[in-house]
Amino acid sequence: MVKHVLVTLTDEQYRCISQLRGKMGNSDAEVLRNIFLAWLSEKTGMGCWRETPAEAEKTA
């Protein structure tokens, strides 16, 4: 299932996304998705993003 999310960026944030185009993805959407996934991976590895058993049951 695909979800579309509207994101508002400052000019400076958009410049950063533009500079990463071609390195982290071919479109703004790919770059943002890959930045988010890298951030999420980092947080998960640090143990900051763990579901409690009750939260896991809600999503199952």
PDB file of N, CA and C in Angstrom:
ATOM      1  N   MET A   1       0.843  -1.168   0.000  1.00  0.00           N
ATOM      2  CA  MET A   1       0.000   0.000   0.000  1.00  0.00           C
ATOM      3  C   MET A   1       0.897   1.244   0.000  1.00  0.00           C
ATOM      4  N   VAL A   2       0.566   2.210  -0.818  1.00  0.00           N
ATOM      5  CA  VAL A   2       1.332   3.444  -0.929  1.00  0.00           C
ATOM      6  C   VAL A   2       0.549   4.572  -0.276  1.00  0.00           C
ATOM      7  N   LYS A   3       1.235   5.381   0.498  1.00  0.00           N
ATOM      8  CA  LYS A   3       0.638   6.568   1.120  1.00  0.00           C
ATOM      9  C   LYS A   3       1.390   7.800   0.619  1.00  0.00           C
ATOM     10  N   HIS A   4       0.663   8.858   0.392  1.00  0.00           N
ATOM     11  CA  HIS A   4       1.264  10.121  -0.023  1.00  0.00           C
ATOM     12  C   HIS A   4       1.180  11.077   1.164  1.00  0.00           C
ATOM     13  N   VAL A   5       2.288  11.775   1.422  1.00  0.00           N
ATOM     14  CA  VAL A   5       2.368  12.681   2.556  1.00  0.00           C
ATOM     15  C   VAL A   5       2.841  14.041   2.056  1.00  0.00           C
ATOM     16  N   LEU A   6       2.119  15.072   2.432  1.00  0.00           N
ATOM     17  CA  LEU A   6       2.502  16.436   2.080  1.00  0.00           C
ATOM     18  C   LEU A   6       3.483  16.947   3.133  1.00  0.00           C
ATOM     19  N   VAL A   7       4.632  17.444   2.689  1.00  0.00           N
ATOM     20  CA  VAL A   7       5.674  17.917   3.597  1.00  0.00           C
ATOM     21  C   VAL A   7       6.015  19.352   3.237  1.00  0.00           C
ATOM     22  N   THR A   8       6.129  20.198   4.236  1.00  0.00           N
ATOM     23  CA  THR A   8       6.522  21.594   4.034  1.00  0.00           C
ATOM     24  C   THR A   8       7.963  21.761   4.481  1.00  0.00           C
ATOM     25  N   LEU A   9       8.784  22.319   3.601  1.00  0.00           N
ATOM     26  CA  LEU A   9      10.200  22.532   3.886  1.00  0.00           C
ATOM     27  C   LEU A   9      10.541  24.003   3.764  1.00  0.00           C
ATOM     28  N   THR A  10      11.522  24.433   4.533  1.00  0.00           N
ATOM     29  CA  THR A  10      12.043  25.786   4.364  1.00  0.00           C
ATOM     30  C   THR A  10      12.911  25.806   3.104  1.00  0.00           C
ATOM     31  N   ASP A  11      13.266  26.994   2.653  1.00  0.00           N
ATOM     32  CA  ASP A  11      14.139  27.101   1.476  1.00  0.00           C
ATOM     33  C   ASP A  11      15.472  26.400   1.725  1.00  0.00           C
ATOM     34  N   GLU A  12      16.015  26.548   2.926  1.00  0.00           N
ATOM     35  CA  GLU A  12      17.294  25.925   3.256  1.00  0.00           C
ATOM     36  C   GLU A  12      17.179  24.394   3.253  1.00  0.00           C
ATOM     37  N   GLN A  13      16.103  23.874   3.811  1.00  0.00           N
ATOM     38  CA  GLN A  13      15.892  22.426   3.805  1.00  0.00           C
ATOM     39  C   GLN A  13      15.757  21.904   2.380  1.00  0.00           C
ATOM     40  N   TYR A  14      15.042  22.638   1.545  1.00  0.00           N
ATOM     41  CA  TYR A  14      14.866  22.203   0.158  1.00  0.00           C
ATOM     42  C   TYR A  14      16.187  22.229  -0.601  1.00  0.00           C
ATOM     43  N   ARG A  15      17.033  23.217  -0.315  1.00  0.00           N
ATOM     44  CA  ARG A  15      18.360  23.267  -0.953  1.00  0.00           C
ATOM     45  C   ARG A  15      19.164  22.024  -0.583  1.00  0.00           C
ATOM     46  N   CYS A  16      19.065  21.604   0.671  1.00  0.00           N
ATOM     47  CA  CYS A  16      19.771  20.387   1.100  1.00  0.00           C
ATOM     48  C   CYS A  16      19.252  19.168   0.349  1.00  0.00           C
ATOM     49  N   ILE A  17      17.931  19.072   0.208  1.00  0.00           N
ATOM     50  CA  ILE A  17      17.328  17.959  -0.532  1.00  0.00           C
ATOM     51  C   ILE A  17      17.822  17.983  -1.981  1.00  0.00           C
ATOM     52  N   SER A  18      17.834  19.165  -2.574  1.00  0.00           N
ATOM     53  CA  SER A  18      18.263  19.294  -3.973  1.00  0.00           C
ATOM     54  C   SER A  18      19.713  18.858  -4.158  1.00  0.00           C
ATOM     55  N   GLN A  19      20.569  19.181  -3.186  1.00  0.00           N
ATOM     56  CA  GLN A  19      21.974  18.815  -3.281  1.00  0.00           C
ATOM     57  C   GLN A  19      22.172  17.308  -3.159  1.00  0.00           C
ATOM     58  N   LEU A  20      21.235  16.623  -2.504  1.00  0.00           N
ATOM     59  CA  LEU A  20      21.347  15.175  -2.324  1.00  0.00           C
ATOM     60  C   LEU A  20      20.701  14.396  -3.465  1.00  0.00           C
ATOM     61  N   ARG A  21      19.966  15.095  -4.342  1.00  0.00           N
ATOM     62  CA  ARG A  21      19.339  14.430  -5.484  1.00  0.00           C
ATOM     63  C   ARG A  21      20.436  13.861  -6.366  1.00  0.00           C
ATOM     64  N   GLY A  22      20.288  12.605  -6.748  1.00  0.00           N
ATOM     65  CA  GLY A  22      21.309  11.913  -7.521  1.00  0.00           C
ATOM     66  C   GLY A  22      22.242  11.101  -6.650  1.00  0.00           C
ATOM     67  N   LYS A  23      22.322  11.453  -5.350  1.00  0.00           N
ATOM     68  CA  LYS A  23      23.168  10.713  -4.410  1.00  0.00           C
ATOM     69  C   LYS A  23      22.322   9.803  -3.526  1.00  0.00           C
ATOM     70  N   MET A  24      21.169  10.313  -3.103  1.00  0.00           N
ATOM     71  CA  MET A  24      20.284   9.530  -2.228  1.00  0.00           C
ATOM     72  C   MET A  24      18.955   9.217  -2.898  1.00  0.00           C
ATOM     73  N   GLY A  25      18.824   9.525  -4.165  1.00  0.00           N
ATOM     74  CA  GLY A  25      17.596   9.257  -4.905  1.00  0.00           C
ATOM     75  C   GLY A  25      17.522  10.149  -6.117  1.00  0.00           C
ATOM     76  N   ASN A  26      16.604   9.824  -7.023  1.00  0.00           N
ATOM     77  CA  ASN A  26      16.483  10.581  -8.260  1.00  0.00           C
ATOM     78  C   ASN A  26      15.398  11.639  -8.212  1.00  0.00           C
ATOM     79  N   SER A  27      14.592  11.637  -7.181  1.00  0.00           N
ATOM     80  CA  SER A  27      13.528  12.637  -7.056  1.00  0.00           C
ATOM     81  C   SER A  27      13.504  13.150  -5.620  1.00  0.00           C
ATOM     82  N   ASP A  28      12.804  14.255  -5.419  1.00  0.00           N
ATOM     83  CA  ASP A  28      12.667  14.801  -4.065  1.00  0.00           C
ATOM     84  C   ASP A  28      12.057  13.757  -3.134  1.00  0.00           C
ATOM     85  N   ALA A  29      11.046  13.044  -3.626  1.00  0.00           N
ATOM     86  CA  ALA A  29      10.366  12.038  -2.803  1.00  0.00           C
ATOM     87  C   ALA A  29      11.331  10.926  -2.397  1.00  0.00           C
ATOM     88  N   GLU A  30      12.136  10.448  -3.338  1.00  0.00           N
ATOM     89  CA  GLU A  30      13.092   9.385  -3.027  1.00  0.00           C
ATOM     90  C   GLU A  30      14.125   9.859  -2.018  1.00  0.00           C
ATOM     91  N   VAL A  31      14.618  11.087  -2.190  1.00  0.00           N
ATOM     92  CA  VAL A  31      15.615  11.625  -1.268  1.00  0.00           C
ATOM     93  C   VAL A  31      15.024  11.731   0.130  1.00  0.00           C
ATOM     94  N   LEU A  32      13.831  12.308   0.255  1.00  0.00           N
ATOM     95  CA  LEU A  32      13.204  12.440   1.570  1.00  0.00           C
ATOM     96  C   LEU A  32      12.933  11.081   2.200  1.00  0.00           C
ATOM     97  N   ARG A  33      12.450  10.136   1.409  1.00  0.00           N
ATOM     98  CA  ARG A  33      12.180   8.789   1.926  1.00  0.00           C
ATOM     99  C   ARG A  33      13.470   8.152   2.435  1.00  0.00           C
ATOM    100  N   ASN A  34      14.551   8.285   1.678  1.00  0.00           N
ATOM    101  CA  ASN A  34      15.817   7.685   2.092  1.00  0.00           C
ATOM    102  C   ASN A  34      16.419   8.378   3.308  1.00  0.00           C
ATOM    103  N   ILE A  35      16.268   9.685   3.402  1.00  0.00           N
ATOM    104  CA  ILE A  35      16.715  10.400   4.604  1.00  0.00           C
ATOM    105  C   ILE A  35      15.944   9.895   5.814  1.00  0.00           C
ATOM    106  N   PHE A  36      14.625   9.773   5.670  1.00  0.00           N
ATOM    107  CA  PHE A  36      13.801   9.296   6.773  1.00  0.00           C
ATOM    108  C   PHE A  36      14.184   7.874   7.170  1.00  0.00           C
ATOM    109  N   LEU A  37      14.371   6.998   6.184  1.00  0.00           N
ATOM    110  CA  LEU A  37      14.731   5.614   6.491  1.00  0.00           C
ATOM    111  C   LEU A  37      16.098   5.527   7.164  1.00  0.00           C
ATOM    112  N   ALA A  38      17.044   6.346   6.755  1.00  0.00           N
ATOM    113  CA  ALA A  38      18.360   6.371   7.396  1.00  0.00           C
ATOM    114  C   ALA A  38      18.230   6.847   8.842  1.00  0.00           C
ATOM    115  N   TRP A  39      17.429   7.891   9.059  1.00  0.00           N
ATOM    116  CA  TRP A  39      17.203   8.405  10.408  1.00  0.00           C
ATOM    117  C   TRP A  39      16.538   7.345  11.275  1.00  0.00           C
ATOM    118  N   LEU A  40      15.511   6.693  10.723  1.00  0.00           N
ATOM    119  CA  LEU A  40      14.783   5.671  11.460  1.00  0.00           C
ATOM    120  C   LEU A  40      15.693   4.495  11.806  1.00  0.00           C
ATOM    121  N   SER A  41      16.535   4.107  10.881  1.00  0.00           N
ATOM    122  CA  SER A  41      17.480   3.022  11.112  1.00  0.00           C
ATOM    123  C   SER A  41      18.440   3.375  12.245  1.00  0.00           C
ATOM    124  N   GLU A  42      18.899   4.612  12.243  1.00  0.00           N
ATOM    125  CA  GLU A  42      19.803   5.071  13.301  1.00  0.00           C
ATOM    126  C   GLU A  42      19.109   5.037  14.653  1.00  0.00           C
ATOM    127  N   LYS A  43      17.883   5.528  14.712  1.00  0.00           N
ATOM    128  CA  LYS A  43      17.143   5.561  15.971  1.00  0.00           C
ATOM    129  C   LYS A  43      16.820   4.155  16.462  1.00  0.00           C
ATOM    130  N   THR A  44      16.496   3.264  15.543  1.00  0.00           N
ATOM    131  CA  THR A  44      16.181   1.883  15.918  1.00  0.00           C
ATOM    132  C   THR A  44      17.421   1.200  16.468  1.00  0.00           C
ATOM    133  N   GLY A  45      18.552   1.424  15.830  1.00  0.00           N
ATOM    134  CA  GLY A  45      19.801   0.829  16.286  1.00  0.00           C
ATOM    135  C   GLY A  45      20.210   1.306  17.662  1.00  0.00           C
ATOM    136  N   MET A  46      19.829   2.538  18.003  1.00  0.00           N
ATOM    137  CA  MET A  46      20.145   3.096  19.309  1.00  0.00           C
ATOM    138  C   MET A  46      19.127   2.674  20.367  1.00  0.00           C
ATOM    139  N   GLY A  47      18.065   1.988  19.943  1.00  0.00           N
ATOM    140  CA  GLY A  47      17.057   1.552  20.896  1.00  0.00           C
ATOM    141  C   GLY A  47      16.034   2.616  21.232  1.00  0.00           C
ATOM    142  N   CYS A  48      15.989   3.680  20.460  1.00  0.00           N
ATOM    143  CA  CYS A  48      15.060   4.783  20.737  1.00  0.00           C
ATOM    144  C   CYS A  48      13.676   4.542  20.160  1.00  0.00           C
ATOM    145  N   TRP A  49      13.534   3.548  19.303  1.00  0.00           N
ATOM    146  CA  TRP A  49      12.268   3.362  18.594  1.00  0.00           C
ATOM    147  C   TRP A  49      11.852   1.908  18.744  1.00  0.00           C
ATOM    148  N   ARG A  50      11.312   1.590  19.884  1.00  0.00           N
ATOM    149  CA  ARG A  50      10.864   0.220  20.122  1.00  0.00           C
ATOM    150  C   ARG A  50       9.418   0.234  20.546  1.00  0.00           C
ATOM    151  N   GLU A  51       8.658  -0.679  19.985  1.00  0.00           N
ATOM    152  CA  GLU A  51       7.254  -0.799  20.354  1.00  0.00           C
ATOM    153  C   GLU A  51       7.129  -1.590  21.638  1.00  0.00           C
ATOM    154  N   THR A  52       6.196  -1.167  22.473  1.00  0.00           N
ATOM    155  CA  THR A  52       5.855  -1.968  23.635  1.00  0.00           C
ATOM    156  C   THR A  52       4.973  -3.109  23.152  1.00  0.00           C
ATOM    157  N   PRO A  53       4.848  -4.179  23.923  1.00  0.00           N
ATOM    158  CA  PRO A  53       3.972  -5.277  23.492  1.00  0.00           C
ATOM    159  C   PRO A  53       2.540  -4.814  23.204  1.00  0.00           C
ATOM    160  N   ALA A  54       2.028  -3.856  23.980  1.00  0.00           N
ATOM    161  CA  ALA A  54       0.669  -3.352  23.749  1.00  0.00           C
ATOM    162  C   ALA A  54       0.567  -2.628  22.409  1.00  0.00           C
ATOM    163  N   GLU A  55       1.594  -1.825  22.051  1.00  0.00           N
ATOM    164  CA  GLU A  55       1.598  -1.122  20.780  1.00  0.00           C
ATOM    165  C   GLU A  55       1.703  -2.107  19.624  1.00  0.00           C
ATOM    166  N   ALA A  56       2.475  -3.154  19.778  1.00  0.00           N
ATOM    167  CA  ALA A  56       2.635  -4.166  18.740  1.00  0.00           C
ATOM    168  C   ALA A  56       1.301  -4.876  18.475  1.00  0.00           C
ATOM    169  N   GLU A  57       0.535  -5.114  19.517  1.00  0.00           N
ATOM    170  CA  GLU A  57      -0.760  -5.774  19.352  1.00  0.00           C
ATOM    171  C   GLU A  57      -1.737  -4.889  18.590  1.00  0.00           C
ATOM    172  N   LYS A  58      -1.682  -3.583  18.804  1.00  0.00           N
ATOM    173  CA  LYS A  58      -2.571  -2.654  18.115  1.00  0.00           C
ATOM    174  C   LYS A  58      -2.346  -2.643  16.606  1.00  0.00           C
ATOM    175  N   THR A  59      -1.089  -2.786  16.188  1.00  0.00           N
ATOM    176  CA  THR A  59      -0.761  -2.728  14.762  1.00  0.00           C
ATOM    177  C   THR A  59      -0.889  -4.076  14.084  1.00  0.00           C
ATOM    178  N   ALA A  60      -1.022  -5.135  14.860  1.00  0.00           N
ATOM    179  CA  ALA A  60      -1.104  -6.494  14.270  1.00  0.00           C
ATOM    180  C   ALA A  60      -2.478  -6.775  13.702  1.00  0.00           C
TER     181      ALA A  60
END
